[in-house]
Amino acid sequence: MPLTALLSPAQQHDATLFTQVVDAARLPRTVWRAHRLPGCLVADKGYDSDPLRTWVRQRHMQPVIPRRQYTDRLTLPNPDFDRKRYKKRNVIERCNSWLKECRRVGTRFEKLAVNFLAMIGLAMIERYLRMLFSDTP
């Protein structure tokens, strides 16, 4: 289930908004803590950078990000990479695919970014309502 959504300009890489998205996407409250961050953060090779990995570690999360092939850092060991956790990244891709199935979002009928983000929000609400009122667990 999606927790938050942010828009970036088309010519800007998604990694520039990475920290804002993670700060905005907090897990639900628990009795002993106000907000929780996840224990690990799974991302693809596009997010492979040392400053980003350091930022994730400072927030007490384990970065699960594979190394890029063309960097000279390949000789360094990658202790953060957990193959089993990385295989679960397909959940994120399926959520993105589901969001693009919503016709109004997939074809971007809205010209203004504010309206487009509102349509994404409505699609997310629809997803939560379907989950809440569905018969299957």
N, C-alpha and C. Protein backbone atom coordinates (compact mmCIF):
# COMPACT_ATOMS: atom_id res chain seq x y z
N MET A 1 0.84 -1.18 0.00
CA MET A 1 0.00 0.00 0.00
C MET A 1 0.89 1.25 0.00
N PRO A 2 0.60 2.20 -0.85
CA PRO A 2 1.41 3.42 -0.89
C PRO A 2 1.20 4.26 0.38
N LEU A 3 2.26 4.87 0.86
CA LEU A 3 2.19 5.71 2.05
C LEU A 3 2.19 7.19 1.72
N THR A 4 2.88 7.57 0.66
CA THR A 4 2.95 8.98 0.29
C THR A 4 3.30 9.10 -1.19
N ALA A 5 3.15 10.29 -1.73
CA ALA A 5 3.50 10.54 -3.13
C ALA A 5 4.01 11.97 -3.26
N LEU A 6 5.07 12.13 -4.01
CA LEU A 6 5.62 13.44 -4.34
C LEU A 6 5.88 13.48 -5.84
N LEU A 7 5.79 14.65 -6.42
CA LEU A 7 6.07 14.82 -7.85
C LEU A 7 7.39 15.54 -8.03
N SER A 8 8.14 15.12 -9.03
CA SER A 8 9.38 15.81 -9.39
C SER A 8 9.25 16.26 -10.84
N PRO A 9 9.97 17.30 -11.21
CA PRO A 9 9.94 17.70 -12.62
C PRO A 9 10.46 16.57 -13.50
N ALA A 10 10.01 16.53 -14.73
CA ALA A 10 10.36 15.43 -15.64
C ALA A 10 11.86 15.35 -15.90
N GLN A 11 12.54 16.48 -15.91
CA GLN A 11 13.97 16.47 -16.21
C GLN A 11 14.83 16.24 -14.97
N GLN A 12 14.22 16.10 -13.80
CA GLN A 12 14.96 15.92 -12.55
C GLN A 12 14.93 14.46 -12.14
N HIS A 13 16.06 13.94 -11.65
CA HIS A 13 16.14 12.55 -11.23
C HIS A 13 15.37 12.35 -9.93
N ASP A 14 14.78 11.17 -9.78
CA ASP A 14 13.97 10.88 -8.60
C ASP A 14 14.80 10.90 -7.32
N ALA A 15 16.08 10.62 -7.39
CA ALA A 15 16.92 10.56 -6.19
C ALA A 15 17.04 11.91 -5.50
N THR A 16 16.78 13.01 -6.21
CA THR A 16 16.87 14.32 -5.58
C THR A 16 15.76 14.52 -4.54
N LEU A 17 14.63 13.82 -4.70
CA LEU A 17 13.53 13.92 -3.74
C LEU A 17 13.49 12.73 -2.79
N PHE A 18 14.49 11.89 -2.85
CA PHE A 18 14.50 10.66 -2.06
C PHE A 18 14.35 10.93 -0.56
N THR A 19 15.13 11.87 -0.04
CA THR A 19 15.08 12.14 1.40
C THR A 19 13.73 12.69 1.81
N GLN A 20 13.12 13.52 0.98
CA GLN A 20 11.81 14.07 1.30
C GLN A 20 10.74 12.99 1.32
N VAL A 21 10.82 12.05 0.40
CA VAL A 21 9.84 10.96 0.35
C VAL A 21 9.96 10.07 1.59
N VAL A 22 11.18 9.73 1.96
CA VAL A 22 11.38 8.87 3.13
C VAL A 22 10.92 9.59 4.40
N ASP A 23 11.21 10.88 4.52
CA ASP A 23 10.76 11.62 5.69
C ASP A 23 9.24 11.73 5.75
N ALA A 24 8.59 11.80 4.59
CA ALA A 24 7.13 11.92 4.55
C ALA A 24 6.43 10.59 4.79
N ALA A 25 7.09 9.49 4.43
CA ALA A 25 6.47 8.16 4.54
C ALA A 25 6.86 7.50 5.85
N ARG A 26 6.12 7.78 6.87
CA ARG A 26 6.34 7.15 8.18
C ARG A 26 5.36 6.01 8.35
N LEU A 27 5.79 4.99 9.05
CA LEU A 27 4.89 3.88 9.34
C LEU A 27 3.89 4.32 10.40
N PRO A 28 2.76 3.62 10.52
CA PRO A 28 1.75 4.03 11.49
C PRO A 28 2.29 4.07 12.92
N ARG A 29 1.63 4.86 13.74
CA ARG A 29 2.03 5.01 15.14
C ARG A 29 1.91 3.70 15.90
N THR A 30 2.77 3.57 16.89
CA THR A 30 2.69 2.44 17.80
C THR A 30 2.55 2.99 19.21
N VAL A 31 2.37 2.13 20.16
CA VAL A 31 2.16 2.58 21.54
C VAL A 31 3.43 3.23 22.08
N TRP A 32 4.58 2.70 21.75
CA TRP A 32 5.81 3.16 22.38
C TRP A 32 6.58 4.21 21.59
N ARG A 33 6.19 4.46 20.33
CA ARG A 33 6.87 5.48 19.54
C ARG A 33 5.85 6.25 18.71
N ALA A 34 6.13 7.54 18.53
CA ALA A 34 5.22 8.38 17.76
C ALA A 34 5.17 7.94 16.30
N HIS A 35 6.30 7.91 15.65
CA HIS A 35 6.38 7.48 14.25
C HIS A 35 7.58 6.56 14.12
N ARG A 36 7.49 5.63 13.20
CA ARG A 36 8.57 4.68 12.99
C ARG A 36 9.08 4.77 11.57
N LEU A 37 10.36 4.57 11.44
CA LEU A 37 10.96 4.39 10.13
C LEU A 37 11.13 2.90 9.90
N PRO A 38 11.15 2.45 8.66
CA PRO A 38 11.35 1.02 8.42
C PRO A 38 12.76 0.59 8.81
N GLY A 39 12.94 -0.70 9.02
CA GLY A 39 14.25 -1.23 9.39
C GLY A 39 15.23 -1.27 8.23
N CYS A 40 14.71 -1.41 7.01
CA CYS A 40 15.59 -1.40 5.84
C CYS A 40 14.92 -0.59 4.74
N LEU A 41 15.74 -0.14 3.80
CA LEU A 41 15.24 0.64 2.69
C LEU A 41 15.73 0.00 1.40
N VAL A 42 14.82 -0.46 0.58
CA VAL A 42 15.15 -1.16 -0.66
C VAL A 42 14.99 -0.20 -1.83
N ALA A 43 16.03 -0.11 -2.65
CA ALA A 43 15.99 0.76 -3.83
C ALA A 43 16.80 0.10 -4.95
N ASP A 44 16.60 0.59 -6.17
CA ASP A 44 17.33 0.01 -7.30
C ASP A 44 18.67 0.72 -7.50
N LYS A 45 19.38 0.35 -8.56
CA LYS A 45 20.74 0.85 -8.80
C LYS A 45 20.78 2.35 -9.05
N GLY A 46 19.69 2.94 -9.45
CA GLY A 46 19.66 4.38 -9.69
C GLY A 46 19.90 5.20 -8.44
N TYR A 47 19.72 4.61 -7.28
CA TYR A 47 19.89 5.30 -6.01
C TYR A 47 21.22 4.95 -5.34
N ASP A 48 22.12 4.34 -6.08
CA ASP A 48 23.41 3.94 -5.53
C ASP A 48 24.34 5.14 -5.45
N SER A 49 24.48 5.69 -4.27
CA SER A 49 25.45 6.76 -4.03
C SER A 49 25.85 6.71 -2.55
N ASP A 50 27.08 7.06 -2.29
CA ASP A 50 27.58 7.03 -0.92
C ASP A 50 26.86 8.03 0.00
N PRO A 51 26.57 9.25 -0.44
CA PRO A 51 25.84 10.17 0.45
C PRO A 51 24.44 9.65 0.81
N LEU A 52 23.78 9.01 -0.15
CA LEU A 52 22.45 8.47 0.12
C LEU A 52 22.53 7.30 1.11
N ARG A 53 23.50 6.43 0.92
CA ARG A 53 23.68 5.32 1.86
C ARG A 53 23.99 5.84 3.26
N THR A 54 24.82 6.87 3.36
CA THR A 54 25.15 7.45 4.66
C THR A 54 23.90 8.05 5.30
N TRP A 55 23.09 8.74 4.52
CA TRP A 55 21.86 9.35 5.03
C TRP A 55 20.92 8.28 5.58
N VAL A 56 20.81 7.15 4.88
CA VAL A 56 19.94 6.06 5.32
C VAL A 56 20.48 5.46 6.62
N ARG A 57 21.77 5.24 6.69
CA ARG A 57 22.36 4.66 7.90
C ARG A 57 22.22 5.59 9.11
N GLN A 58 22.28 6.90 8.90
CA GLN A 58 22.12 7.85 9.99
C GLN A 58 20.72 7.78 10.60
N ARG A 59 19.77 7.30 9.84
CA ARG A 59 18.40 7.14 10.34
C ARG A 59 18.14 5.71 10.81
N HIS A 60 19.20 4.97 11.04
CA HIS A 60 19.14 3.61 11.60
C HIS A 60 18.35 2.65 10.73
N MET A 61 18.54 2.77 9.43
CA MET A 61 17.95 1.84 8.47
C MET A 61 19.09 1.16 7.71
N GLN A 62 18.83 -0.03 7.24
CA GLN A 62 19.81 -0.74 6.43
C GLN A 62 19.50 -0.48 4.96
N PRO A 63 20.45 0.11 4.20
CA PRO A 63 20.21 0.31 2.77
C PRO A 63 20.41 -1.01 2.00
N VAL A 64 19.42 -1.41 1.25
CA VAL A 64 19.50 -2.60 0.41
C VAL A 64 19.48 -2.11 -1.03
N ILE A 65 20.66 -1.70 -1.51
CA ILE A 65 20.81 -1.09 -2.82
C ILE A 65 21.97 -1.77 -3.53
N PRO A 66 21.74 -2.38 -4.70
CA PRO A 66 22.86 -3.00 -5.42
C PRO A 66 23.80 -1.94 -5.98
N ARG A 67 25.04 -2.33 -6.16
CA ARG A 67 26.04 -1.42 -6.73
C ARG A 67 25.85 -1.31 -8.24
N ARG A 68 26.18 -0.14 -8.78
CA ARG A 68 26.18 0.03 -10.23
C ARG A 68 27.37 -0.72 -10.82
N GLN A 69 27.25 -1.14 -12.04
CA GLN A 69 28.32 -1.94 -12.64
C GLN A 69 29.49 -1.09 -13.11
N TYR A 70 29.25 0.15 -13.46
CA TYR A 70 30.31 0.94 -14.06
C TYR A 70 31.10 1.78 -13.05
N THR A 71 30.88 1.57 -11.76
CA THR A 71 31.64 2.33 -10.78
C THR A 71 32.88 1.57 -10.36
N ASP A 72 33.85 2.29 -9.90
CA ASP A 72 35.06 1.64 -9.40
C ASP A 72 34.88 1.15 -7.97
N ARG A 73 33.70 1.39 -7.40
CA ARG A 73 33.43 0.90 -6.05
C ARG A 73 33.03 -0.57 -6.04
N LEU A 74 32.97 -1.19 -7.21
CA LEU A 74 32.62 -2.61 -7.27
C LEU A 74 33.62 -3.48 -6.53
N THR A 75 34.85 -3.00 -6.43
CA THR A 75 35.85 -3.79 -5.72
C THR A 75 35.58 -3.78 -4.22
N LEU A 76 34.84 -2.77 -3.75
CA LEU A 76 34.50 -2.71 -2.33
C LEU A 76 33.42 -3.73 -2.02
N PRO A 77 33.46 -4.34 -0.85
CA PRO A 77 32.38 -5.26 -0.49
C PRO A 77 31.08 -4.49 -0.26
N ASN A 78 29.98 -5.11 -0.53
CA ASN A 78 28.68 -4.49 -0.33
C ASN A 78 27.93 -5.28 0.75
N PRO A 79 28.24 -5.03 2.03
CA PRO A 79 27.61 -5.81 3.10
C PRO A 79 26.13 -5.47 3.27
N ASP A 80 25.69 -4.33 2.73
CA ASP A 80 24.30 -3.92 2.90
C ASP A 80 23.34 -4.70 2.01
N PHE A 81 23.87 -5.28 0.95
CA PHE A 81 22.98 -5.89 -0.04
C PHE A 81 22.49 -7.25 0.44
N ASP A 82 21.19 -7.36 0.59
CA ASP A 82 20.54 -8.59 1.03
C ASP A 82 19.64 -9.05 -0.11
N ARG A 83 20.02 -10.14 -0.78
CA ARG A 83 19.27 -10.60 -1.96
C ARG A 83 17.82 -10.94 -1.65
N LYS A 84 17.56 -11.54 -0.51
CA LYS A 84 16.18 -11.92 -0.17
C LYS A 84 15.30 -10.70 -0.01
N ARG A 85 15.82 -9.67 0.64
CA ARG A 85 15.04 -8.45 0.80
C ARG A 85 14.88 -7.72 -0.53
N TYR A 86 15.92 -7.75 -1.36
CA TYR A 86 15.85 -7.05 -2.64
C TYR A 86 14.82 -7.69 -3.57
N LYS A 87 14.62 -9.00 -3.46
CA LYS A 87 13.62 -9.67 -4.29
C LYS A 87 12.21 -9.19 -3.97
N LYS A 88 12.00 -8.68 -2.76
CA LYS A 88 10.68 -8.17 -2.39
C LYS A 88 10.41 -6.79 -2.96
N ARG A 89 11.35 -6.23 -3.70
CA ARG A 89 11.17 -4.93 -4.33
C ARG A 89 10.07 -4.96 -5.38
N ASN A 90 9.70 -6.15 -5.83
CA ASN A 90 8.64 -6.25 -6.83
C ASN A 90 7.32 -5.70 -6.31
N VAL A 91 7.16 -5.63 -5.00
CA VAL A 91 5.94 -5.05 -4.42
C VAL A 91 5.84 -3.58 -4.82
N ILE A 92 6.95 -2.88 -4.81
CA ILE A 92 6.97 -1.47 -5.21
C ILE A 92 6.64 -1.34 -6.68
N GLU A 93 7.22 -2.19 -7.50
CA GLU A 93 6.96 -2.13 -8.94
C GLU A 93 5.50 -2.46 -9.24
N ARG A 94 4.92 -3.42 -8.51
CA ARG A 94 3.51 -3.75 -8.73
C ARG A 94 2.61 -2.60 -8.32
N CYS A 95 2.97 -1.89 -7.25
CA CYS A 95 2.19 -0.73 -6.83
C CYS A 95 2.25 0.36 -7.90
N ASN A 96 3.44 0.60 -8.46
CA ASN A 96 3.56 1.58 -9.54
C ASN A 96 2.73 1.17 -10.76
N SER A 97 2.76 -0.12 -11.09
CA SER A 97 1.98 -0.61 -12.23
C SER A 97 0.49 -0.46 -11.97
N TRP A 98 0.07 -0.75 -10.75
CA TRP A 98 -1.34 -0.58 -10.43
C TRP A 98 -1.75 0.88 -10.56
N LEU A 99 -0.89 1.78 -10.10
CA LEU A 99 -1.21 3.20 -10.16
C LEU A 99 -1.34 3.66 -11.61
N LYS A 100 -0.52 3.12 -12.50
CA LYS A 100 -0.60 3.49 -13.91
C LYS A 100 -1.81 2.88 -14.60
N GLU A 101 -2.42 1.87 -13.99
CA GLU A 101 -3.66 1.31 -14.55
C GLU A 101 -4.84 2.26 -14.37
N CYS A 102 -4.75 3.14 -13.39
CA CYS A 102 -5.79 4.15 -13.23
C CYS A 102 -5.67 5.08 -14.43
N ARG A 103 -6.66 5.07 -15.26
CA ARG A 103 -6.57 5.72 -16.58
C ARG A 103 -6.22 7.19 -16.49
N ARG A 104 -6.81 7.89 -15.57
CA ARG A 104 -6.58 9.32 -15.45
C ARG A 104 -5.15 9.64 -15.03
N VAL A 105 -4.56 8.76 -14.22
CA VAL A 105 -3.18 8.95 -13.77
C VAL A 105 -2.20 8.47 -14.84
N GLY A 106 -2.47 7.31 -15.44
CA GLY A 106 -1.56 6.73 -16.43
C GLY A 106 -1.39 7.59 -17.67
N THR A 107 -2.45 8.26 -18.10
CA THR A 107 -2.35 9.11 -19.29
C THR A 107 -2.11 10.57 -18.96
N ARG A 108 -2.08 10.88 -17.68
CA ARG A 108 -1.87 12.24 -17.17
C ARG A 108 -2.81 13.24 -17.84
N PHE A 109 -4.10 13.07 -17.57
CA PHE A 109 -5.10 14.01 -18.09
C PHE A 109 -4.90 15.40 -17.50
N GLU A 110 -4.45 15.46 -16.26
CA GLU A 110 -4.30 16.75 -15.58
C GLU A 110 -3.01 17.43 -16.04
N LYS A 111 -3.13 18.69 -16.40
CA LYS A 111 -1.96 19.43 -16.87
C LYS A 111 -1.19 20.06 -15.71
N LEU A 112 -1.90 20.49 -14.67
CA LEU A 112 -1.25 21.11 -13.52
C LEU A 112 -0.77 20.05 -12.55
N ALA A 113 0.41 20.26 -11.98
CA ALA A 113 0.99 19.29 -11.06
C ALA A 113 0.13 19.12 -9.81
N VAL A 114 -0.49 20.18 -9.33
CA VAL A 114 -1.34 20.11 -8.14
C VAL A 114 -2.53 19.18 -8.39
N ASN A 115 -3.15 19.32 -9.54
CA ASN A 115 -4.30 18.48 -9.87
C ASN A 115 -3.87 17.03 -10.09
N PHE A 116 -2.71 16.83 -10.72
CA PHE A 116 -2.22 15.47 -10.95
C PHE A 116 -1.91 14.77 -9.63
N LEU A 117 -1.29 15.48 -8.69
CA LEU A 117 -1.00 14.92 -7.38
C LEU A 117 -2.30 14.61 -6.63
N ALA A 118 -3.32 15.43 -6.82
CA ALA A 118 -4.62 15.16 -6.21
C ALA A 118 -5.24 13.89 -6.78
N MET A 119 -5.09 13.66 -8.08
CA MET A 119 -5.61 12.44 -8.68
C MET A 119 -4.86 11.21 -8.17
N ILE A 120 -3.56 11.34 -7.95
CA ILE A 120 -2.79 10.24 -7.37
C ILE A 120 -3.30 9.96 -5.95
N GLY A 121 -3.57 11.02 -5.20
CA GLY A 121 -4.13 10.85 -3.86
C GLY A 121 -5.47 10.15 -3.87
N LEU A 122 -6.33 10.51 -4.82
CA LEU A 122 -7.62 9.84 -4.93
C LEU A 122 -7.47 8.37 -5.32
N ALA A 123 -6.52 8.09 -6.19
CA ALA A 123 -6.27 6.69 -6.56
C ALA A 123 -5.77 5.89 -5.36
N MET A 124 -4.94 6.51 -4.53
CA MET A 124 -4.45 5.84 -3.33
C MET A 124 -5.58 5.60 -2.33
N ILE A 125 -6.48 6.57 -2.20
CA ILE A 125 -7.64 6.40 -1.32
C ILE A 125 -8.52 5.25 -1.82
N GLU A 126 -8.74 5.21 -3.14
CA GLU A 126 -9.53 4.11 -3.72
C GLU A 126 -8.89 2.76 -3.41
N ARG A 127 -7.58 2.71 -3.49
CA ARG A 127 -6.85 1.46 -3.20
C ARG A 127 -7.07 1.04 -1.75
N TYR A 128 -6.97 1.99 -0.82
CA TYR A 128 -7.19 1.67 0.59
C TYR A 128 -8.63 1.23 0.85
N LEU A 129 -9.59 1.89 0.21
CA LEU A 129 -10.99 1.51 0.41
C LEU A 129 -11.28 0.12 -0.14
N ARG A 130 -10.69 -0.21 -1.28
CA ARG A 130 -10.86 -1.56 -1.83
C ARG A 130 -10.29 -2.61 -0.88
N MET A 131 -9.14 -2.31 -0.30
CA MET A 131 -8.54 -3.23 0.64
C MET A 131 -9.40 -3.36 1.90
N LEU A 132 -9.95 -2.26 2.36
CA LEU A 132 -10.73 -2.25 3.58
C LEU A 132 -12.04 -3.03 3.43
N PHE A 133 -12.69 -2.87 2.28
CA PHE A 133 -14.00 -3.50 2.09
C PHE A 133 -13.97 -4.76 1.23
N SER A 134 -12.81 -5.29 0.94
CA SER A 134 -12.75 -6.50 0.14
C SER A 134 -13.03 -7.72 1.02
N ASP A 135 -13.54 -8.77 0.39
CA ASP A 135 -13.86 -9.99 1.11
C ASP A 135 -12.64 -10.86 1.32
N THR A 136 -11.65 -10.71 0.45
CA THR A 136 -10.46 -11.56 0.56
C THR A 136 -9.46 -10.90 1.52
N PRO A 137 -8.76 -11.67 2.30
CA PRO A 137 -7.80 -11.10 3.25
C PRO A 137 -6.54 -10.61 2.58
